[in-house]
Amino acid sequence: MSCFLYAEERGCSLVPLEPDEPRRSEILALQKAAYSDLAESDPRAEALFGEFVTLFYDQLFSSWKSVLDVHSEATQALIRMKHAFQERVYGEGEVAGWQAWNGHFLERIELAAAQHHDARILVCVGVEHLYWL
C-alpha cells in the first residue's frame, strides 16, 4: 500500500520539492562545510547553538495549542529570528545553502503552478521554510 493512497485514488499530481542529485549534494555541501568549519574553529559556539535550537523548539512545541499556532505570524517571526541568528553563527555557507535549498523549492512550486494553472496546489514543507517561501 502506498503512503500516497489519497492522492493516487483522486488522480492528484505529486511533485517532489527536494533537488535531485547532484544538485542536492552540492547544496548540502555548502551547509556541511559551514557546520564543520564552526565545529573545528569554535566547538563551544557550535554546542551552544545546538542547545539554543533545543530550547527554541521546546518552547515552540509547548506554546503551540493548534495548527493555527504553528502557522501563525508569531511562529514565523520567531523562526525568521532563529535563521538570522543561525546565519550569523555559521556564516556564508549556511546562507548560500539555505537560499539555494529554498530557491529550488520555489522553482518547483512555480513550475507546478504553471503546469496546473487552474488547480489548487498544496505545498508541504517543514515549518522552518514557510517564512522564506
Foldseek 3Di string as FASTA:
>chain_A
DDPCVVCVVVVHDDFDQFDDPPVNVVLVVLQVVLLVVCCVPPVPLSVVLVVVVVVLVVVLVVPDPDVCSLVDPVVLVSLVVNVVVVCVSRHDSSVSSLCSSLVSSVVRVVVVCVVCVPDDDDDDDDSSSVSVD
